[in-house]
N, C-alpha and C. Protein backbone atom coordinates (compact mmCIF):
# COMPACT_ATOMS: atom_id res chain seq x y z
N MET A 1 0.55 -1.11 0.07
CA MET A 1 0.04 0.31 -0.05
C MET A 1 0.84 1.46 -0.10
N ASP A 2 0.60 1.77 -0.57
CA ASP A 2 0.86 3.27 -1.11
C ASP A 2 0.31 4.43 0.44
N ASP A 3 1.35 5.27 1.08
CA ASP A 3 1.22 5.73 2.02
C ASP A 3 1.34 7.35 1.59
N SER A 4 1.14 7.66 -0.04
CA SER A 4 1.08 8.79 -0.41
C SER A 4 -0.07 9.36 -0.38
N PHE A 5 -0.23 10.44 -0.49
CA PHE A 5 -1.64 10.69 -0.25
C PHE A 5 -1.63 12.12 -1.02
N THR A 6 -2.33 12.39 -2.36
CA THR A 6 -2.82 13.39 -3.13
C THR A 6 -3.82 13.77 -3.51
N PHE A 7 -3.29 14.98 -3.74
CA PHE A 7 -5.22 15.53 -3.81
C PHE A 7 -5.90 14.77 -4.68
N GLY A 8 -5.47 15.23 -5.76
CA GLY A 8 -5.63 14.81 -7.10
C GLY A 8 -6.64 16.46 -8.02
N THR A 9 -7.04 15.81 -8.74
CA THR A 9 -7.29 16.85 -9.45
C THR A 9 -8.91 16.86 -8.80
N ARG A 10 -9.00 18.01 -9.18
CA ARG A 10 -10.60 18.62 -8.65
C ARG A 10 -11.39 18.01 -9.12
N ALA A 11 -12.91 18.33 -8.33
CA ALA A 11 -13.67 17.62 -8.77
C ALA A 11 -14.66 18.90 -9.13
N ARG A 12 -15.22 18.31 -9.94
CA ARG A 12 -15.86 19.55 -11.10
C ARG A 12 -17.36 19.24 -10.18
N ARG A 13 -18.13 20.44 -9.49
CA ARG A 13 -19.19 20.42 -9.35
C ARG A 13 -20.13 21.28 -10.06
N SER A 14 -21.10 20.66 -10.63
CA SER A 14 -22.07 20.57 -11.16
C SER A 14 -23.44 21.80 -10.21
N VAL A 15 -23.42 22.81 -10.83
CA VAL A 15 -24.30 24.08 -10.42
C VAL A 15 -25.52 24.20 -11.44
N THR A 16 -26.52 23.94 -10.44
CA THR A 16 -27.97 24.13 -11.17
C THR A 16 -28.35 25.83 -10.87
N VAL A 17 -28.32 26.03 -12.47
CA VAL A 17 -28.77 27.31 -12.63
C VAL A 17 -30.63 27.65 -12.85
N LYS A 18 -31.10 28.34 -11.56
CA LYS A 18 -32.07 27.66 -11.48
C LYS A 18 -32.57 29.63 -12.45
N PRO A 19 -33.62 29.41 -13.00
CA PRO A 19 -34.12 29.94 -14.22
C PRO A 19 -35.03 31.32 -13.55
N VAL A 20 -34.72 32.06 -14.06
CA VAL A 20 -35.32 33.60 -13.21
C VAL A 20 -36.46 34.02 -13.63
N ARG A 21 -36.95 33.73 -12.75
CA ARG A 21 -38.83 33.91 -12.47
C ARG A 21 -38.74 35.44 -13.06
N ARG A 22 -39.76 35.76 -14.28
CA ARG A 22 -39.99 36.83 -13.86
C ARG A 22 -41.26 37.47 -13.55
N SER A 23 -41.06 38.65 -12.22
CA SER A 23 -42.27 38.90 -11.41
C SER A 23 -43.78 39.28 -12.12
N ARG A 24 -44.61 38.85 -12.15
CA ARG A 24 -45.80 39.55 -11.93
C ARG A 24 -46.13 40.50 -12.30
N THR A 25 -45.99 40.99 -13.28
CA THR A 25 -46.51 42.67 -12.85
C THR A 25 -48.18 42.86 -12.40
N PRO A 26 -48.34 43.73 -11.48
CA PRO A 26 -49.80 43.63 -11.25
C PRO A 26 -50.93 44.01 -11.85
N ARG A 27 -52.07 43.51 -12.14
CA ARG A 27 -53.14 43.79 -13.01
C ARG A 27 -53.30 45.47 -12.91
N ARG A 28 -54.18 46.17 -13.49
CA ARG A 28 -54.35 47.49 -13.22
C ARG A 28 -55.44 47.66 -12.47
N VAL A 29 -55.52 48.08 -11.09
CA VAL A 29 -56.70 48.66 -11.08
C VAL A 29 -57.48 49.03 -11.57
N ALA A 30 -58.82 49.15 -11.38
CA ALA A 30 -59.81 49.48 -11.59
C ALA A 30 -60.21 50.91 -11.30
N ALA A 31 -60.03 51.88 -12.13
CA ALA A 31 -60.25 53.23 -11.35
C ALA A 31 -61.11 53.31 -9.91
N ARG A 32 -62.12 53.00 -10.17
CA ARG A 32 -63.35 52.91 -9.30
C ARG A 32 -63.11 52.09 -7.60
N ASP A 33 -61.50 51.31 -8.16
CA ASP A 33 -61.41 50.58 -6.67
C ASP A 33 -59.80 50.61 -6.39
N ARG A 34 -59.69 51.47 -6.93
CA ARG A 34 -57.77 51.64 -6.24
C ARG A 34 -57.63 51.56 -4.78
N SER A 35 -59.01 52.68 -4.20
CA SER A 35 -59.20 52.77 -2.56
C SER A 35 -59.07 51.93 -1.94
N GLY A 36 -59.56 50.41 -2.79
CA GLY A 36 -60.10 49.65 -1.98
C GLY A 36 -61.66 49.41 -1.34
N THR A 37 -61.93 50.54 -1.30
CA THR A 37 -63.69 50.91 -1.10
C THR A 37 -64.43 50.32 -2.10
N GLY A 38 -64.05 50.11 -3.25
CA GLY A 38 -65.08 50.07 -4.08
C GLY A 38 -66.31 50.83 -4.64
N ARG A 39 -65.48 52.29 -3.95
CA ARG A 39 -66.59 53.58 -5.11
C ARG A 39 -65.64 54.12 -5.91
N SER A 40 -66.59 54.21 -6.53
CA SER A 40 -65.69 55.41 -8.07
C SER A 40 -65.37 56.90 -7.55
N GLY A 41 -64.70 57.46 -7.83
CA GLY A 41 -64.43 58.86 -7.74
C GLY A 41 -65.72 59.81 -7.60
N ARG A 42 -66.43 59.62 -8.45
CA ARG A 42 -67.85 60.05 -7.91
C ARG A 42 -68.42 60.22 -7.34
N GLY A 43 -68.18 58.53 -6.47
CA GLY A 43 -69.12 58.34 -5.32
C GLY A 43 -68.37 59.43 -4.25
N ARG A 44 -67.06 59.39 -4.39
CA ARG A 44 -66.34 59.80 -3.08
C ARG A 44 -66.58 61.51 -3.19
N ILE A 45 -66.49 61.76 -4.00
CA ILE A 45 -66.48 63.41 -4.35
C ILE A 45 -68.33 63.85 -3.95
N ALA A 46 -69.00 62.95 -4.31
CA ALA A 46 -70.11 63.09 -3.20
C ALA A 46 -70.32 63.04 -2.10
N VAL A 47 -69.74 62.26 -1.22
CA VAL A 47 -69.59 61.82 0.46
C VAL A 47 -68.95 63.07 0.15
N LEU A 48 -67.62 63.77 -0.15
CA LEU A 48 -67.24 65.19 0.40
C LEU A 48 -68.17 66.06 0.42
N VAL A 49 -68.82 66.50 -0.96
CA VAL A 49 -69.39 67.42 -0.96
C VAL A 49 -70.94 67.46 0.01
N VAL A 50 -71.55 66.14 0.51
CA VAL A 50 -72.78 66.24 1.39
C VAL A 50 -71.75 66.64 2.64
N GLY A 51 -70.62 65.91 3.25
CA GLY A 51 -70.13 66.25 4.12
C GLY A 51 -69.77 67.55 4.48
N GLY A 52 -69.25 68.35 3.29
CA GLY A 52 -69.43 70.15 3.46
C GLY A 52 -70.48 70.41 3.66
N VAL A 53 -71.39 70.28 3.40
CA VAL A 53 -72.87 70.80 3.50
C VAL A 53 -73.15 70.44 4.88
N VAL A 54 -73.42 69.37 5.43
CA VAL A 54 -73.09 68.96 6.94
C VAL A 54 -72.72 70.30 7.26
N VAL A 55 -71.34 69.75 7.39
CA VAL A 55 -70.81 70.99 7.94
C VAL A 55 -70.69 72.40 8.07
N VAL A 56 -70.86 72.97 7.02
CA VAL A 56 -71.58 74.01 6.82
C VAL A 56 -72.97 74.86 7.81
N VAL A 57 -74.01 73.58 7.68
CA VAL A 57 -75.44 73.96 8.51
C VAL A 57 -75.01 73.56 9.68
N ALA A 58 -73.98 72.81 10.24
CA ALA A 58 -73.91 72.74 11.33
C ALA A 58 -72.98 74.32 11.96
N ILE A 59 -72.32 74.81 11.36
CA ILE A 59 -71.92 75.73 11.87
C ILE A 59 -72.64 76.83 11.69
N ALA A 60 -73.32 77.12 10.93
CA ALA A 60 -74.63 78.18 11.04
C ALA A 60 -75.83 77.81 12.11
N GLY A 61 -75.84 76.63 12.19
CA GLY A 61 -76.61 76.30 13.93
C GLY A 61 -75.90 76.70 15.11
N VAL A 62 -74.94 76.47 15.09
CA VAL A 62 -74.12 76.95 16.01
C VAL A 62 -74.10 78.64 16.45
N MET A 63 -73.56 79.14 14.92
CA MET A 63 -73.73 80.62 15.26
C MET A 63 -75.10 81.26 15.37
N ALA A 64 -76.34 80.72 15.43
CA ALA A 64 -77.53 81.19 15.19
C ALA A 64 -78.06 81.31 16.86
N LEU A 65 -77.07 79.65 17.15
CA LEU A 65 -77.76 79.74 18.60
C LEU A 65 -76.73 80.72 19.54
N MET A 66 -75.62 80.68 19.36
CA MET A 66 -74.88 82.03 19.64
C MET A 66 -75.30 83.73 19.69
N LYS A 67 -75.46 83.65 18.52
CA LYS A 67 -76.76 85.16 18.65
C LYS A 67 -77.63 85.03 19.35
N ARG A 68 -78.82 83.94 19.40
CA ARG A 68 -79.83 84.07 20.29
C ARG A 68 -79.46 84.32 21.56
N GLY A 69 -78.28 83.31 22.34
CA GLY A 69 -77.95 83.68 23.44
C GLY A 69 -77.28 85.23 23.57
N GLY A 70 -76.40 85.86 22.98
CA GLY A 70 -75.99 86.79 22.88
C GLY A 70 -77.25 88.10 22.84
N ASP A 71 -78.18 88.01 22.17
CA ASP A 71 -79.42 88.51 22.06
C ASP A 71 -80.01 88.39 23.69
N GLN A 72 -80.15 87.29 24.23
CA GLN A 72 -81.02 86.92 25.14
C GLN A 72 -80.11 87.90 26.67
N ALA A 73 -79.18 88.14 26.29
CA ALA A 73 -77.70 88.20 27.23
C ALA A 73 -77.99 89.68 27.28
N ALA A 74 -78.37 90.13 26.19
CA ALA A 74 -78.47 91.69 25.99
C ALA A 74 -79.58 92.52 26.44
N ALA A 75 -80.16 91.10 26.00
CA ALA A 75 -81.95 91.96 26.77
C ALA A 75 -81.71 91.98 28.31
N GLY A 76 -80.93 90.56 28.64
CA GLY A 76 -81.48 91.12 29.90
C GLY A 76 -80.35 91.69 31.17
N GLU A 77 -79.51 92.04 30.26
CA GLU A 77 -78.37 93.44 31.05
C GLU A 77 -79.16 94.42 30.82
N HIS A 78 -79.88 94.80 29.55
CA HIS A 78 -80.85 95.81 29.17
C HIS A 78 -81.86 96.44 30.42
N SER A 79 -82.53 94.99 30.89
CA SER A 79 -83.57 94.77 31.32
C SER A 79 -82.92 94.99 32.98
N ALA A 80 -81.86 94.67 33.57
CA ALA A 80 -81.43 94.63 34.28
C ALA A 80 -80.82 96.42 34.98
N VAL A 81 -80.15 96.99 34.08
CA VAL A 81 -79.88 98.40 34.36
C VAL A 81 -81.21 98.83 34.20
N SER A 82 -82.18 98.80 33.41
CA SER A 82 -83.77 99.61 33.64
C SER A 82 -84.19 99.70 35.24
N GLN A 83 -84.14 98.19 35.52
CA GLN A 83 -84.55 97.74 36.98
C GLN A 83 -83.60 98.87 38.14
N ILE A 84 -82.51 98.86 37.57
CA ILE A 84 -81.67 99.45 38.66
C ILE A 84 -81.84 101.14 38.07
N GLY A 85 -82.15 101.96 37.50
CA GLY A 85 -82.77 103.20 36.94
C GLY A 85 -84.04 103.24 37.43
N THR A 86 -84.61 102.42 37.10
CA THR A 86 -86.36 102.31 38.17
C THR A 86 -86.29 102.43 39.55
N ALA A 87 -85.22 101.54 40.22
CA ALA A 87 -84.77 101.52 41.74
C ALA A 87 -84.50 103.11 42.17
N ASP A 88 -83.73 103.91 41.54
CA ASP A 88 -82.82 105.10 41.30
C ASP A 88 -83.76 105.75 41.63
N ASP A 89 -85.03 105.85 40.69
CA ASP A 89 -85.85 106.85 40.36
C ASP A 89 -86.68 106.78 41.54
N VAL A 90 -87.28 105.76 41.78
CA VAL A 90 -88.08 105.26 43.20
C VAL A 90 -87.55 106.24 44.26
N GLN A 91 -86.46 106.03 44.87
CA GLN A 91 -85.79 106.40 45.90
C GLN A 91 -85.79 108.10 45.58
N ALA A 92 -85.75 108.43 44.56
CA ALA A 92 -86.47 110.10 43.96
C ALA A 92 -87.11 110.81 44.72
N LYS A 93 -88.05 110.07 44.12
CA LYS A 93 -89.60 110.26 44.20
C LYS A 93 -89.86 109.81 45.44
N MET A 94 -89.60 108.70 46.33
CA MET A 94 -89.79 108.56 47.89
C MET A 94 -89.27 109.91 48.61
N THR A 95 -88.04 110.88 48.06
CA THR A 95 -87.47 111.70 49.26
C THR A 95 -88.78 112.71 48.78
N ALA A 96 -88.75 113.22 47.48
CA ALA A 96 -89.80 114.25 46.94
C ALA A 96 -90.96 113.87 47.48
N GLN A 97 -91.88 112.98 48.09
CA GLN A 97 -92.88 112.61 48.47
C GLN A 97 -93.00 112.98 50.48
N GLN A 98 -91.75 112.83 50.78
CA GLN A 98 -91.78 112.72 52.14
C GLN A 98 -91.36 114.60 52.60
N THR A 99 -90.98 115.09 51.51
CA THR A 99 -91.14 116.84 51.79
C THR A 99 -92.03 117.31 51.22
N ALA A 100 -93.04 116.30 50.66
CA ALA A 100 -94.45 116.99 50.07
C ALA A 100 -95.15 117.19 51.41
N GLY A 101 -95.04 116.77 52.26
CA GLY A 101 -95.37 116.45 53.80
C GLY A 101 -94.84 117.43 54.19
N ALA A 102 -93.85 117.44 54.36
CA ALA A 102 -93.30 118.75 55.22
C ALA A 102 -93.76 119.96 54.59
N VAL A 103 -93.67 120.36 53.02
CA VAL A 103 -94.04 121.43 52.77
C VAL A 103 -95.82 121.75 53.01
N GLN A 104 -96.23 120.54 53.21
CA GLN A 104 -98.02 120.79 53.50
C GLN A 104 -98.24 120.81 54.70
N GLN A 105 -97.62 120.64 56.05
CA GLN A 105 -97.25 121.20 57.06
C GLN A 105 -96.62 122.78 57.84
N VAL A 106 -95.70 122.68 56.86
CA VAL A 106 -94.88 124.08 57.22
C VAL A 106 -95.88 125.23 56.82
N TYR A 107 -96.70 124.98 55.11
CA TYR A 107 -97.72 125.60 54.61
C TYR A 107 -98.91 125.38 55.88
N ALA A 108 -99.39 124.76 56.52
CA ALA A 108 -100.50 124.91 57.17
C ALA A 108 -100.06 125.08 58.83
N GLU A 109 -98.70 125.64 58.71
CA GLU A 109 -98.73 126.25 60.03
C GLU A 109 -98.49 127.46 59.96
N GLN A 110 -97.92 127.86 58.88
CA GLN A 110 -97.60 129.42 58.62
C GLN A 110 -98.26 130.00 57.92
N GLY A 111 -99.53 129.33 56.75
CA GLY A 111 -100.35 129.89 56.13
C GLY A 111 -100.04 130.32 55.00
N SER A 112 -98.81 130.17 54.53
CA SER A 112 -97.98 130.84 53.71
C SER A 112 -96.87 129.98 52.67
N TYR A 113 -96.80 130.00 51.25
CA TYR A 113 -95.96 129.07 50.75
C TYR A 113 -94.76 129.87 50.74
N ALA A 114 -94.15 131.05 51.06
CA ALA A 114 -92.99 131.81 51.01
C ALA A 114 -91.97 131.31 52.15
N ALA A 115 -93.42 130.72 53.17
CA ALA A 115 -92.70 130.32 54.37
C ALA A 115 -91.86 128.95 54.25
N VAL A 116 -92.43 128.22 53.26
CA VAL A 116 -91.58 127.21 52.89
C VAL A 116 -90.23 126.90 52.15
N THR A 117 -89.27 127.15 53.23
CA THR A 117 -88.01 127.77 52.93
C THR A 117 -86.96 126.09 53.09
N PRO A 118 -85.65 126.06 52.83
CA PRO A 118 -85.35 125.11 53.04
C PRO A 118 -84.68 124.81 54.89
N ALA A 119 -84.61 126.04 55.47
CA ALA A 119 -84.69 126.26 56.92
C ALA A 119 -85.86 125.58 57.24
N ALA A 120 -86.66 125.56 57.39
CA ALA A 120 -87.97 125.26 57.91
C ALA A 120 -88.25 123.83 57.45
N LEU A 121 -87.85 123.15 56.40
CA LEU A 121 -88.30 121.88 56.02
C LEU A 121 -87.34 121.30 56.30
N ARG A 122 -85.77 121.14 56.60
CA ARG A 122 -85.09 120.59 57.35
C ARG A 122 -85.67 120.38 58.71
N ALA A 123 -86.03 121.70 59.42
CA ALA A 123 -86.43 121.86 60.94
C ALA A 123 -87.95 120.24 61.12
N VAL A 124 -88.87 120.39 60.11
CA VAL A 124 -89.75 119.43 59.52
C VAL A 124 -89.39 117.96 59.50
N GLU A 125 -88.59 117.80 58.25
CA GLU A 125 -88.21 116.55 57.85
C GLU A 125 -86.66 116.60 57.90
N PRO A 126 -85.71 115.95 58.69
CA PRO A 126 -84.52 116.12 58.67
C PRO A 126 -83.51 115.03 57.61
N ALA A 127 -85.12 114.09 57.42
CA ALA A 127 -84.14 112.98 56.46
C ALA A 127 -83.53 113.63 55.28
N ALA A 128 -83.58 114.55 54.57
CA ALA A 128 -83.13 115.18 53.44
C ALA A 128 -82.38 116.41 53.69
N GLN A 129 -81.85 116.69 52.42
CA GLN A 129 -80.89 117.80 52.23
C GLN A 129 -81.72 118.79 51.85
N TYR A 130 -81.70 120.14 52.20
CA TYR A 130 -82.50 121.17 51.47
C TYR A 130 -81.62 122.22 50.78
N THR A 131 -81.91 122.46 49.33
CA THR A 131 -80.97 123.81 48.94
C THR A 131 -81.62 124.42 48.37
N GLY A 132 -80.58 125.68 47.97
CA GLY A 132 -81.65 126.91 47.18
C GLY A 132 -80.93 126.61 45.44
N ASN A 133 -80.18 125.86 45.88
CA ASN A 133 -79.46 125.33 44.41
C ASN A 133 -79.96 124.16 43.67
N ALA A 134 -79.39 123.85 43.02
CA ALA A 134 -79.80 122.25 41.92
C ALA A 134 -79.72 121.26 42.86
N SER A 135 -80.72 120.44 42.72
CA SER A 135 -80.03 118.92 43.33
C SER A 135 -79.41 118.16 42.85
N THR A 136 -78.32 117.56 43.44
CA THR A 136 -77.28 117.07 42.84
C THR A 136 -77.29 115.13 43.13
N GLY A 137 -78.24 114.70 43.39
CA GLY A 137 -78.79 113.53 44.16
C GLY A 137 -79.92 113.38 44.70
N PRO A 138 -80.28 111.90 45.08
CA PRO A 138 -81.86 111.60 45.32
C PRO A 138 -82.09 111.43 46.61
N ASN A 139 -81.29 112.22 47.65
CA ASN A 139 -81.29 112.92 49.05
C ASN A 139 -81.05 114.31 49.33
N VAL A 140 -81.50 114.86 48.09
CA VAL A 140 -80.61 116.80 48.07
C VAL A 140 -82.13 117.35 47.21
N VAL A 141 -82.99 118.15 47.94
CA VAL A 141 -83.92 118.68 47.41
C VAL A 141 -83.92 119.67 47.34
N SER A 142 -83.91 120.64 45.99
CA SER A 142 -83.75 122.27 45.43
C SER A 142 -85.11 122.77 45.86
N VAL A 143 -85.24 123.97 46.69
CA VAL A 143 -86.20 124.60 46.71
C VAL A 143 -86.32 125.99 46.24
N SER A 144 -87.75 126.17 45.56
CA SER A 144 -88.11 127.55 45.18
C SER A 144 -89.60 127.42 45.63
N SER A 145 -89.86 129.21 46.74
CA SER A 145 -90.77 129.20 46.98
C SER A 145 -91.16 130.72 46.45
N SER A 146 -92.59 131.26 46.82
CA SER A 146 -92.80 132.68 46.59
C SER A 146 -93.97 132.41 47.34
N SER A 147 -95.12 133.58 47.66
CA SER A 147 -96.37 133.44 48.07
C SER A 147 -97.44 132.47 47.42
N SER A 148 -97.09 132.50 46.00
CA SER A 148 -97.87 132.15 44.88
C SER A 148 -97.54 130.38 45.05
N GLY A 149 -96.57 129.95 45.42
CA GLY A 149 -96.45 128.24 45.57
C GLY A 149 -94.72 128.33 45.87
N VAL A 150 -94.51 126.74 45.73
CA VAL A 150 -93.27 126.11 45.98
C VAL A 150 -92.94 125.03 44.96
N GLY A 151 -91.58 125.22 44.37
CA GLY A 151 -91.22 124.53 43.59
C GLY A 151 -90.04 123.52 44.26
N LEU A 152 -90.19 122.04 44.08
CA LEU A 152 -89.23 121.33 44.61
C LEU A 152 -88.47 120.41 43.46
N ALA A 153 -87.26 120.00 43.15
CA ALA A 153 -86.56 119.29 43.00
C ALA A 153 -85.51 118.36 42.97
N VAL A 154 -85.72 117.02 42.62
CA VAL A 154 -84.85 116.09 43.11
C VAL A 154 -84.41 115.08 42.00
N ARG A 155 -83.08 115.39 42.13
CA ARG A 155 -82.21 114.26 41.20
C ARG A 155 -82.10 113.19 41.68
N SER A 156 -82.36 111.99 40.91
CA SER A 156 -82.14 110.36 40.81
C SER A 156 -81.17 110.18 39.77
N ALA A 157 -79.98 109.28 40.57
CA ALA A 157 -79.25 108.94 40.50
C ALA A 157 -78.98 108.12 38.33
N SER A 158 -80.05 108.13 38.06
CA SER A 158 -80.61 107.89 36.57
C SER A 158 -80.31 109.08 36.06
N GLY A 159 -80.43 110.33 36.60
CA GLY A 159 -80.28 111.61 35.95
C GLY A 159 -81.56 111.94 35.40
N THR A 160 -83.02 111.32 35.97
CA THR A 160 -83.68 111.96 35.47
C THR A 160 -83.95 113.25 37.22
N CYS A 161 -84.92 114.15 36.73
CA CYS A 161 -85.25 115.01 37.92
C CYS A 161 -86.49 114.93 38.00
N PHE A 162 -86.67 114.68 39.55
CA PHE A 162 -88.74 114.86 39.39
C PHE A 162 -88.68 116.25 40.12
N LEU A 163 -89.47 116.44 39.57
CA LEU A 163 -90.35 118.08 39.76
C LEU A 163 -91.82 118.18 40.70
N GLU A 164 -91.95 118.49 41.44
CA GLU A 164 -93.08 119.02 41.89
C GLU A 164 -93.80 120.79 42.33
N HIS A 165 -94.28 120.77 42.08
CA HIS A 165 -95.34 121.95 42.43
C HIS A 165 -96.50 122.23 42.62
N PHE A 166 -96.35 123.19 44.45
CA PHE A 166 -97.39 123.38 45.04
C PHE A 166 -97.74 124.82 44.63
N ALA A 167 -99.22 124.69 44.69
CA ALA A 167 -100.36 126.05 44.74
C ALA A 167 -101.22 125.91 44.81
N THR A 168 -102.26 127.44 45.09
CA THR A 168 -103.22 126.87 45.94
C THR A 168 -104.50 126.09 44.56
N GLY A 169 -104.37 125.91 43.60
CA GLY A 169 -105.03 125.04 42.51
C GLY A 169 -104.68 123.63 42.78
N GLY A 170 -103.37 122.77 43.33
CA GLY A 170 -103.18 121.60 43.96
C GLY A 170 -101.52 121.41 43.57
N VAL A 171 -101.64 120.15 43.58
CA VAL A 171 -99.72 119.64 42.93
C VAL A 171 -99.79 119.16 41.37
N THR A 172 -98.32 119.86 40.97
CA THR A 172 -98.35 119.16 39.52
C THR A 172 -97.03 118.80 39.66
N TYR A 173 -97.28 117.84 38.55
CA TYR A 173 -95.81 116.83 38.76
C TYR A 173 -94.82 117.01 37.39
N GLY A 174 -93.71 117.20 37.50
CA GLY A 174 -93.03 116.73 36.00
C GLY A 174 -91.72 115.99 36.05
N THR A 175 -90.96 116.16 34.96
CA THR A 175 -89.75 115.06 34.84
C THR A 175 -88.84 116.23 33.86
N GLY A 176 -87.36 116.29 33.90
CA GLY A 176 -86.76 117.29 33.25
C GLY A 176 -85.57 117.27 33.26
N THR A 177 -84.36 117.99 32.86
CA THR A 177 -83.20 118.08 33.57
C THR A 177 -82.22 119.07 33.75
N THR A 178 -83.13 120.38 34.02
CA THR A 178 -82.54 121.14 34.72
C THR A 178 -83.46 121.05 36.53
N CYS A 179 -82.66 120.85 37.29
CA CYS A 179 -83.31 120.19 38.25
C CYS A 179 -83.11 120.99 39.52
N THR A 180 -84.02 122.18 39.43
CA THR A 180 -83.60 123.43 40.41
C THR A 180 -85.42 123.99 40.95
N GLY A 181 -85.98 124.07 41.78
CA GLY A 181 -86.97 124.33 42.48
C GLY A 181 -88.03 125.45 41.73
N ALA A 182 -87.02 126.15 41.05
CA ALA A 182 -88.13 127.04 40.08
C ALA A 182 -88.34 126.88 38.67
N ALA A 183 -87.30 125.35 38.36
CA ALA A 183 -87.42 124.62 36.97
C ALA A 183 -89.26 123.55 37.58
N ALA A 184 -89.16 123.37 38.68
CA ALA A 184 -90.88 122.79 39.30
C ALA A 184 -91.77 123.68 38.58
N ALA A 185 -91.67 124.61 38.50
CA ALA A 185 -92.74 126.08 38.07
C ALA A 185 -93.12 125.55 36.99
N SER A 186 -92.66 124.85 35.89
CA SER A 186 -93.59 124.19 34.54
C SER A 186 -94.03 123.25 34.61
N ALA A 187 -94.28 122.46 35.71
CA ALA A 187 -94.68 121.18 35.96
C ALA A 187 -95.80 121.28 35.81
N THR A 188 -96.26 120.41 34.97
CA THR A 188 -98.16 120.30 34.68
C THR A 188 -98.86 119.48 34.51
N ALA A 189 -98.70 118.32 35.07
CA ALA A 189 -99.03 116.76 34.90
C ALA A 189 -99.52 116.80 36.14
N ARG A 190 -100.69 115.71 36.51
CA ARG A 190 -100.95 115.21 37.24
C ARG A 190 -100.17 114.16 38.40
N SER A 191 -99.17 113.03 37.40
CA SER A 191 -98.55 112.52 38.71
C SER A 191 -97.33 112.45 37.51
N TRP A 192 -96.07 111.81 38.09
CA TRP A 192 -95.77 111.24 37.55
C TRP A 192 -95.32 110.59 36.71
N PRO A 193 -95.02 110.56 35.30
CA PRO A 193 -94.89 109.12 34.75
C PRO A 193 -94.03 107.65 34.91
N ALA A 194 -95.02 106.99 34.72
CA ALA A 194 -94.39 105.87 35.05
C ALA A 194 -93.30 105.17 34.62
């Protein structure tokens, strides 16, 4: 036996070449089926248009609700301001009515409207302030007197001036912007406006 070892010749490997498979090109998807939803392009446009209309209607509804709410808030605010003005007017009218009682008392005691002065009224009804100048608030009474009558004016915090004129023919009422007892001589109504 021979102990020699040889590598010998190389053995040939047979290589099997696999044929290259061409990948299939996907079939063209129909235009209506590209999204996978089965809807055509026209169907999607219709859905978008309907959706847009719904959104516009919803926005219009919300805006109408907000406007109505704003109108109600404004009306409520106007009502509150009106009620505050009315409360201010009531205070001025009450001061004028208390003073009217004092005027009648001084006239009954003295027998003359000329005796109805700010000092005489203060002695009978000290709850208010009396002046020969213009009234500046609901507790300040402007007084103007003569032998033929007495004029009283009281300014409300709302700005309205309430006038009363006492004469032998009776009491007349009015409102105005000039808030003096002398201006009260022009009062002709049988009561203050409501």
